[in-house]
């Protein structure tokens, strides 16, 4: 798989840009702040319909413009597809495939698959659990696009259930257990004459969608574990071995146990029965209902889980050196690349200002690993940051434009 052409209109710093891209390695070189990352960010957006830099679409539209348009021609197995995304902050985005509208923009997910390495990846190791959950869920969607719908359904139910819990918490604080007129009015505003029966309905929805997402994550972690260990050993020989462990708020199987104050979900095969996970999730919701009604938040479910990253017997977060943290983050991306390749076809590899962060040894090892890919796109502040193993085409980026050099 490769990108043959990229066209941007009012995306980030560009009013208009047209780029023809070739197989192999292409580097975008220029000083920081000139728009190199904007180019590869656009490709990542086509693949995932989200940015690796910002949480919402607003900053993606050039200042003063109402919308941004990204067009991307993708070639796979000698077949060419044109993907067009119209980004409308505050309104529904739109998508077209081969000039024909699609009913939902997410129907275009999966037509381009990318693995993007970026400085922000360090947050997967050093940051909050949300960064690691996003890594898993983005990879799930890249491998099986229907999980975009599963994740959206879970998030929708979580928001609606959360609104009911917040209303219940406010009413409890006002009435402290009384079901007087004021309390009943608050619950009526939430659309529920009997909040507990309504909560039962939302529990069922949350458990059903949550179990599907949880089972997929557990299966994914099992597949990633040996790949991450292998990639880390190649990047950081002599270091303690890398380990992954899914830590859920709901036990995933008979082998689950407590560790560091969190429940550990480590399951495979029959342990991943979705019906059983759904029942466990419903039971867990009932167990914490009193606390949820008091605090007004959903306390268990995939949205509160974490992916534990370890080096030997120690957590990488807090114990890994800067170099080890970078190696772990790169290993997570390389493992994603290996999984997507195994599914059929090389994803496009994007290395956004990564080599400047690495010492010479890690730089060389990473270059040797990614060089055989069908298409590699690199951004660098100076040409010397690009390893000689990745010599290829080059664009200079600066003064609002992009110019092919070779």
Protein backbone atom coordinates (compact mmCIF):
# COMPACT_ATOMS: atom_id res chain seq x y z
CA UNK A 1 0.00 0.00 0.00
CA UNK A 2 1.20 3.49 -0.79
CA UNK A 3 0.01 7.07 -1.18
CA UNK A 4 0.32 8.27 -4.78
CA UNK A 5 -0.99 11.81 -4.34
CA UNK A 6 -1.91 14.17 -1.51
CA UNK A 7 -3.98 17.33 -1.98
CA UNK A 8 -4.74 19.80 0.82
CA UNK A 9 -7.07 22.79 0.86
CA UNK A 10 -7.13 25.06 3.92
CA UNK A 11 -5.56 22.35 6.08
CA UNK A 12 -3.46 23.73 8.94
CA UNK A 13 -0.94 26.21 7.45
CA UNK A 14 -1.67 25.38 3.81
CA UNK A 15 -4.19 27.19 1.66
CA UNK A 16 -3.43 24.70 -1.14
CA UNK A 17 -0.79 22.07 -1.80
CA UNK A 18 -0.45 19.20 -4.31
CA UNK A 19 2.10 16.42 -3.78
CA UNK A 20 2.89 13.43 -5.96
CA UNK A 21 4.54 10.67 -3.93
CA UNK A 22 6.56 7.65 -5.03
CA UNK A 23 7.15 4.21 -3.47
CA UNK A 24 10.13 3.86 -1.16
CA UNK A 25 11.46 6.61 1.10
CA UNK A 26 10.47 10.26 0.88
CA UNK A 27 11.78 12.89 3.31
CA UNK A 28 10.22 16.29 4.05
CA UNK A 29 13.03 18.54 5.25
CA UNK A 30 12.80 22.06 6.66
CA UNK A 31 13.07 24.18 9.79
CA UNK A 32 10.65 23.58 12.63
CA UNK A 33 7.34 25.39 12.35
CA UNK A 34 7.24 25.38 8.54
CA UNK A 35 4.53 22.72 8.05
CA UNK A 36 6.33 19.38 7.67
CA UNK A 37 4.25 17.65 10.31
CA UNK A 38 1.06 19.14 8.84
CA UNK A 39 1.62 17.06 5.71
CA UNK A 40 1.97 13.72 7.45
CA UNK A 41 -0.74 14.64 9.96
CA UNK A 42 -3.14 14.92 7.03
CA UNK A 43 -2.30 11.37 5.96
CA UNK A 44 -2.76 10.10 9.49
CA UNK A 45 -6.14 11.83 9.56
CA UNK A 46 -7.22 10.05 6.36
CA UNK A 47 -6.28 6.73 7.96
CA UNK A 48 -7.87 7.23 11.40
CA UNK A 49 -10.05 10.38 11.09
CA UNK A 50 -8.28 11.78 14.12
CA UNK A 51 -5.07 13.72 14.71
CA UNK A 52 -2.08 12.51 16.69
CA UNK A 53 -1.52 16.12 17.82
CA UNK A 54 -4.91 17.53 18.88
CA UNK A 55 -8.11 16.12 20.36
CA UNK A 56 -10.59 17.96 18.11
CA UNK A 57 -10.80 19.08 14.50
CA UNK A 58 -10.79 22.84 15.04
CA UNK A 59 -7.03 23.42 14.75
CA UNK A 60 -6.90 21.41 11.50
CA UNK A 61 -8.69 24.16 9.56
CA UNK A 62 -6.57 27.09 8.39
CA UNK A 63 -7.27 30.28 10.29
CA UNK A 64 -10.01 32.23 8.56
CA UNK A 65 -11.33 29.26 6.56
CA UNK A 66 -14.63 27.53 7.25
CA UNK A 67 -13.51 24.02 6.37
CA UNK A 68 -10.53 21.95 5.27
CA UNK A 69 -10.38 19.34 2.52
CA UNK A 70 -7.91 16.45 2.34
CA UNK A 71 -7.72 14.32 -0.82
CA UNK A 72 -5.57 11.24 -0.92
CA UNK A 73 -4.99 8.79 -3.76
CA UNK A 74 -4.09 5.35 -2.43
CA UNK A 75 -2.67 2.47 -4.48
CA UNK A 76 -3.03 -1.09 -3.27
CA UNK A 77 -2.45 -4.19 -5.39
CA UNK A 78 -2.43 -2.00 -8.53
CA UNK A 79 -5.86 -0.62 -7.67
CA UNK A 80 -6.25 3.10 -7.06
CA UNK A 81 -8.78 4.71 -4.71
CA UNK A 82 -9.41 8.42 -4.12
CA UNK A 83 -10.44 9.36 -0.58
CA UNK A 84 -11.76 12.85 0.09
CA UNK A 85 -12.51 14.19 3.57
CA UNK A 86 -14.20 17.50 4.30
CA UNK A 87 -13.44 18.66 7.85
CA UNK A 88 -16.15 20.90 9.33
CA UNK A 89 -15.43 21.86 12.96
CA UNK A 90 -18.62 22.03 14.97
CA UNK A 91 -20.57 20.30 12.22
CA UNK A 92 -20.63 16.86 10.64
CA UNK A 93 -17.64 15.96 8.52
CA UNK A 94 -18.23 14.52 5.07
CA UNK A 95 -16.41 11.92 2.99
CA UNK A 96 -16.30 10.80 -0.64
CA UNK A 97 -14.81 7.68 -2.15
CA UNK A 98 -13.89 7.80 -5.83
CA UNK A 99 -15.96 11.01 -6.11
CA UNK A 100 -19.10 9.37 -4.64
CA UNK A 101 -20.39 10.39 -1.17
CA UNK A 102 -20.39 7.77 1.59
CA UNK A 103 -23.13 7.72 4.20
CA UNK A 104 -20.73 8.08 7.16
CA UNK A 105 -17.16 9.41 7.14
CA UNK A 106 -15.98 6.42 9.18
CA UNK A 107 -16.92 4.17 6.25
CA UNK A 108 -13.71 5.44 4.64
CA UNK A 109 -11.54 4.19 7.52
CA UNK A 110 -9.31 1.29 6.52
CA UNK A 111 -8.79 2.33 2.91
CA UNK A 112 -5.47 3.83 3.94
CA UNK A 113 -3.51 2.21 6.73
CA UNK A 114 -0.61 4.02 8.34
CA UNK A 115 1.71 3.51 11.27
CA UNK A 116 2.86 6.88 12.54
CA UNK A 117 5.90 7.39 14.77
CA UNK A 118 5.99 10.82 16.43
CA UNK A 119 7.51 12.58 19.46
CA UNK A 120 4.05 12.43 21.05
CA UNK A 121 4.47 8.63 21.24
CA UNK A 122 6.55 9.05 24.37
CA UNK A 123 3.27 9.74 26.18
CA UNK A 124 2.28 6.10 25.60
CA UNK A 125 5.04 5.14 28.02
CA UNK A 126 5.19 8.12 30.36
CA UNK A 127 1.66 9.48 30.12
CA UNK A 128 -1.82 8.69 31.38
CA UNK A 129 -3.72 5.43 30.68
CA UNK A 130 -5.81 7.25 28.08
CA UNK A 131 -2.76 7.36 25.78
CA UNK A 132 -2.33 3.58 25.96
CA UNK A 133 -6.06 2.94 25.52
CA UNK A 134 -5.99 5.11 22.42
CA UNK A 135 -3.05 3.11 21.04
CA UNK A 136 -5.00 -0.13 21.42
CA UNK A 137 -8.26 1.22 20.04
CA UNK A 138 -6.66 2.94 17.04
CA UNK A 139 -4.90 -0.30 16.16
CA UNK A 140 -8.16 -2.24 16.55
CA UNK A 141 -9.85 0.11 14.10
CA UNK A 142 -6.93 -0.03 11.66
CA UNK A 143 -7.10 -3.84 11.60
CA UNK A 144 -10.90 -4.12 11.68
CA UNK A 145 -12.69 -0.85 10.79
CA UNK A 146 -16.02 -1.94 12.28
CA UNK A 147 -14.52 -1.31 15.73
CA UNK A 148 -14.85 2.40 14.99
CA UNK A 149 -18.58 1.82 15.38
CA UNK A 150 -18.14 -0.30 18.51
CA UNK A 151 -16.02 2.39 20.13
CA UNK A 152 -18.48 5.13 19.09
CA UNK A 153 -21.42 3.16 20.51
CA UNK A 154 -19.60 2.60 23.80
CA UNK A 155 -18.68 6.29 24.08
CA UNK A 156 -22.27 7.33 23.34
CA UNK A 157 -23.70 5.06 26.04
CA UNK A 158 -21.00 6.18 28.48
CA UNK A 159 -21.94 9.84 27.95
CA UNK A 160 -25.66 9.21 28.38
CA UNK A 161 -25.18 7.01 31.43
CA UNK A 162 -22.83 9.62 32.88
CA UNK A 163 -25.46 12.34 32.44
CA UNK A 164 -27.97 10.25 34.39
CA UNK A 165 -25.44 9.58 37.16
CA UNK A 166 -24.59 13.27 37.46
CA UNK A 167 -28.26 14.16 37.78
CA UNK A 168 -28.70 11.45 40.42
CA UNK A 169 -25.64 12.69 42.34
CA UNK A 170 -26.92 16.27 42.32
CA UNK A 171 -30.34 15.15 43.53
CA UNK A 172 -28.80 13.06 46.31
CA UNK A 173 -26.74 16.01 47.49
CA UNK A 174 -29.85 18.19 47.60
CA UNK A 175 -32.18 15.68 49.19
CA UNK A 176 -29.73 13.28 50.86
CA UNK A 177 -31.72 10.16 50.10
CA UNK A 178 -35.18 11.71 50.08
CA UNK A 179 -37.37 11.18 47.04
CA UNK A 180 -39.22 14.45 47.45
CA UNK A 181 -40.59 16.73 44.76
CA UNK A 182 -37.23 18.36 44.12
CA UNK A 183 -35.52 14.98 43.68
CA UNK A 184 -38.24 13.66 41.37
CA UNK A 185 -38.05 16.83 39.27
CA UNK A 186 -34.31 16.41 38.80
CA UNK A 187 -34.73 12.85 37.61
CA UNK A 188 -37.57 13.86 35.32
CA UNK A 189 -35.23 16.38 33.68
CA UNK A 190 -32.98 13.42 32.84
CA UNK A 191 -35.90 11.65 31.23
CA UNK A 192 -36.34 9.06 34.02
CA UNK A 193 -39.21 8.78 36.51
CA UNK A 194 -37.43 5.85 38.13
CA UNK A 195 -33.68 6.47 37.91
CA UNK A 196 -32.65 3.03 39.10
CA UNK A 197 -34.70 1.21 36.46
CA UNK A 198 -33.33 3.57 33.81
CA UNK A 199 -29.83 2.93 35.08
CA UNK A 200 -30.43 -0.81 34.66
CA UNK A 201 -31.14 -0.21 30.97
CA UNK A 202 -27.95 1.80 30.50
CA UNK A 203 -25.98 -0.84 32.43
CA UNK A 204 -27.12 -3.43 29.90
CA UNK A 205 -26.08 -1.25 26.94
CA UNK A 206 -22.73 -0.39 28.51
CA UNK A 207 -22.01 -4.03 29.34
CA UNK A 208 -22.85 -5.22 25.83
CA UNK A 209 -20.71 -2.67 23.97
CA UNK A 210 -18.02 -2.72 26.65
CA UNK A 211 -17.67 -6.50 26.52
CA UNK A 212 -17.14 -6.41 22.77
CA UNK A 213 -14.46 -3.73 23.09
CA UNK A 214 -12.83 -5.47 26.05
CA UNK A 215 -12.65 -8.85 24.31
CA UNK A 216 -11.05 -7.26 21.26
CA UNK A 217 -8.48 -5.44 23.37
CA UNK A 218 -7.53 -8.61 25.24
CA UNK A 219 -7.05 -10.52 22.00
CA UNK A 220 -4.99 -7.66 20.61
CA UNK A 221 -2.70 -7.54 23.64
CA UNK A 222 -2.07 -11.28 23.32
CA UNK A 223 -1.04 -10.76 19.69
CA UNK A 224 1.12 -7.73 20.49
CA UNK A 225 3.02 -9.21 23.44
CA UNK A 226 5.66 -11.25 21.53
CA UNK A 227 6.00 -8.62 18.79
CA UNK A 228 6.70 -5.82 21.26
CA UNK A 229 9.20 -7.99 23.14
CA UNK A 230 11.01 -8.83 19.90
CA UNK A 231 11.10 -5.24 18.62
CA UNK A 232 12.31 -3.91 21.97
CA UNK A 233 15.09 -6.50 22.12
CA UNK A 234 16.23 -5.40 18.64
CA UNK A 235 16.21 -1.69 19.54
CA UNK A 236 17.66 -2.01 23.05
CA UNK A 237 19.79 -5.15 23.28
CA UNK A 238 20.97 -5.82 26.80
CA UNK A 239 18.03 -4.05 28.42
CA UNK A 240 15.48 -5.85 30.61
CA UNK A 241 12.77 -7.54 28.51
CA UNK A 242 9.64 -5.60 27.60
CA UNK A 243 6.28 -6.87 28.84
CA UNK A 244 2.61 -6.01 28.26
CA UNK A 245 -0.33 -6.72 30.53
CA UNK A 246 -3.92 -5.57 30.18
CA UNK A 247 -5.19 -4.24 33.50
CA UNK A 248 -8.93 -3.98 33.57
CA UNK A 249 -11.50 -2.78 36.07
CA UNK A 250 -13.41 -5.99 35.32
CA UNK A 251 -11.81 -9.45 35.73
CA UNK A 252 -11.42 -11.06 32.33
CA UNK A 253 -11.09 -14.66 33.39
CA UNK A 254 -10.30 -17.15 36.08
CA UNK A 255 -6.62 -16.18 36.09
CA UNK A 256 -7.36 -12.52 36.84
CA UNK A 257 -5.99 -11.27 40.11
CA UNK A 258 -5.10 -8.18 42.05
CA UNK A 259 -1.82 -6.38 41.48
CA UNK A 260 -0.77 -2.92 42.55
CA UNK A 261 -4.33 -2.14 43.56
CA UNK A 262 -5.75 -2.92 40.11
CA UNK A 263 -7.48 -5.94 38.72
CA UNK A 264 -5.48 -7.69 36.06
CA UNK A 265 -7.14 -9.10 32.97
CA UNK A 266 -4.97 -11.67 31.22
CA UNK A 267 -6.98 -14.05 29.14
CA UNK A 268 -6.91 -16.02 25.95
CA UNK A 269 -8.95 -18.54 24.00
CA UNK A 270 -12.13 -19.53 25.80
CA UNK A 271 -11.49 -16.90 28.46
CA UNK A 272 -12.53 -14.26 25.91
CA UNK A 273 -16.16 -15.35 25.71
CA UNK A 274 -18.03 -12.09 25.17
CA UNK A 275 -21.17 -13.25 26.99
CA UNK A 276 -19.12 -14.02 30.09
CA UNK A 277 -17.36 -10.66 29.89
CA UNK A 278 -20.73 -8.94 29.55
CA UNK A 279 -22.02 -10.64 32.68
CA UNK A 280 -18.87 -9.73 34.62
CA UNK A 281 -19.18 -6.12 33.53
CA UNK A 282 -22.84 -5.93 34.57
CA UNK A 283 -21.98 -7.47 37.94
CA UNK A 284 -19.15 -4.98 38.42
CA UNK A 285 -21.47 -2.08 37.64
CA UNK A 286 -23.94 -3.28 40.25
CA UNK A 287 -21.15 -3.66 42.79
CA UNK A 288 -20.08 -0.02 42.50
CA UNK A 289 -23.52 1.50 41.92
CA UNK A 290 -23.64 3.18 45.31
CA UNK A 291 -20.31 4.89 44.73
CA UNK A 292 -21.33 5.88 41.20
CA UNK A 293 -24.57 7.46 42.40
CA UNK A 294 -22.61 9.35 45.02
CA UNK A 295 -19.87 10.58 42.69
CA UNK A 296 -21.83 10.90 39.43
CA UNK A 297 -19.35 8.99 37.22
CA UNK A 298 -19.04 5.52 35.70
CA UNK A 299 -16.31 3.76 37.67
CA UNK A 300 -15.79 0.50 35.78
CA UNK A 301 -15.47 -0.39 32.11
CA UNK A 302 -12.96 -0.21 29.25
CA UNK A 303 -12.76 3.59 29.55
CA UNK A 304 -10.93 3.15 32.89
CA UNK A 305 -8.63 0.28 31.93
CA UNK A 306 -4.89 0.48 31.35
CA UNK A 307 -2.17 -1.28 29.38
CA UNK A 308 0.70 -2.01 31.75
CA UNK A 309 4.13 -1.62 30.17
CA UNK A 310 6.96 -3.32 32.03
CA UNK A 311 10.72 -3.68 31.81
CA UNK A 312 11.58 -6.86 33.64
CA UNK A 313 9.69 -6.68 36.94
CA UNK A 314 9.40 -2.89 36.97
CA UNK A 315 6.86 -0.58 35.32
CA UNK A 316 8.35 1.37 32.44
CA UNK A 317 6.53 4.48 33.61
CA UNK A 318 8.68 6.04 36.29
CA UNK A 319 11.56 3.57 36.00
CA UNK A 320 12.63 3.54 32.33
CA UNK A 321 15.36 5.90 31.21
CA UNK A 322 14.64 8.35 28.40
CA UNK A 323 16.31 6.03 25.88
CA UNK A 324 14.43 2.99 27.18
CA UNK A 325 11.14 4.90 27.07
CA UNK A 326 11.78 5.87 23.46
CA UNK A 327 12.68 2.28 22.58
CA UNK A 328 9.45 1.05 24.19
CA UNK A 329 7.35 3.59 22.32
CA UNK A 330 9.00 2.66 19.03
CA UNK A 331 8.48 -1.04 19.82
CA UNK A 332 4.75 -0.46 20.23
CA UNK A 333 4.59 1.13 16.78
CA UNK A 334 6.77 -1.54 15.18
CA UNK A 335 4.54 -4.24 16.67
CA UNK A 336 1.51 -2.48 15.17
CA UNK A 337 3.28 -2.40 11.82
CA UNK A 338 4.03 -6.15 12.03
CA UNK A 339 0.40 -6.95 12.86
CA UNK A 340 -0.96 -4.87 9.99
CA UNK A 341 1.53 -6.44 7.59
CA UNK A 342 0.42 -9.90 8.71
CA UNK A 343 -3.16 -8.91 7.88
CA UNK A 344 -2.09 -8.30 4.28
CA UNK A 345 -0.15 -5.46 2.67
CA UNK A 346 2.41 -3.04 4.08
CA UNK A 347 0.92 0.01 5.80
CA UNK A 348 2.50 3.36 5.01
CA UNK A 349 5.19 4.12 7.60
CA UNK A 350 5.38 7.72 8.80
CA UNK A 351 8.32 8.88 10.93
CA UNK A 352 7.59 12.40 12.14
CA UNK A 353 10.74 14.05 13.53
CA UNK A 354 11.71 10.82 15.27
CA UNK A 355 15.40 10.47 14.40
CA UNK A 356 16.37 13.72 16.10
CA UNK A 357 15.23 12.16 19.39
CA UNK A 358 17.36 9.01 19.06
CA UNK A 359 21.02 8.27 19.66
CA UNK A 360 23.05 6.95 16.73
CA UNK A 361 22.65 3.30 17.71
CA UNK A 362 18.85 3.40 17.97
CA UNK A 363 18.66 5.59 14.87
CA UNK A 364 20.55 3.02 12.81
CA UNK A 365 18.57 0.05 14.14
CA UNK A 366 15.22 1.72 13.46
CA UNK A 367 16.33 2.68 9.94
CA UNK A 368 17.36 -0.90 9.16
CA UNK A 369 14.00 -2.23 10.40
CA UNK A 370 11.78 0.15 8.40
CA UNK A 371 13.84 0.45 5.20
CA UNK A 372 12.18 -2.55 3.42
CA UNK A 373 8.67 -1.05 3.76
CA UNK A 374 6.78 -0.26 0.56
CA UNK A 375 6.53 3.43 1.47
CA UNK A 376 8.25 5.41 4.24
CA UNK A 377 7.59 9.13 4.80
CA UNK A 378 9.99 11.05 7.04
CA UNK A 379 10.04 14.58 8.43
CA UNK A 380 13.32 16.11 9.62
CA UNK A 381 14.56 19.58 10.51
CA UNK A 382 17.86 19.00 8.72
CA UNK A 383 18.84 16.50 6.05
CA UNK A 384 21.57 15.02 8.26
CA UNK A 385 18.88 13.69 10.63
CA UNK A 386 17.80 11.20 7.94
CA UNK A 387 19.94 8.04 8.18
CA UNK A 388 21.85 7.04 5.06
CA UNK A 389 19.95 3.72 5.11
CA UNK A 390 16.82 5.74 4.26
CA UNK A 391 18.14 7.81 1.37
CA UNK A 392 15.44 8.50 -1.21
CA UNK A 393 13.19 11.26 -2.50
CA UNK A 394 13.14 14.65 -0.82
CA UNK A 395 10.93 17.73 -0.53
CA UNK A 396 12.07 20.98 1.05
CA UNK A 397 9.38 22.61 3.19
CA UNK A 398 9.46 26.32 4.01
CA UNK A 399 7.91 29.74 3.46
CA UNK A 400 4.46 28.20 3.17
CA UNK A 401 5.37 25.91 0.29
CA UNK A 402 6.69 22.45 -0.57
CA UNK A 403 9.34 21.99 -3.27
CA UNK A 404 10.61 18.70 -4.67
CA UNK A 405 14.41 18.43 -4.58
CA UNK A 406 14.88 14.89 -5.82
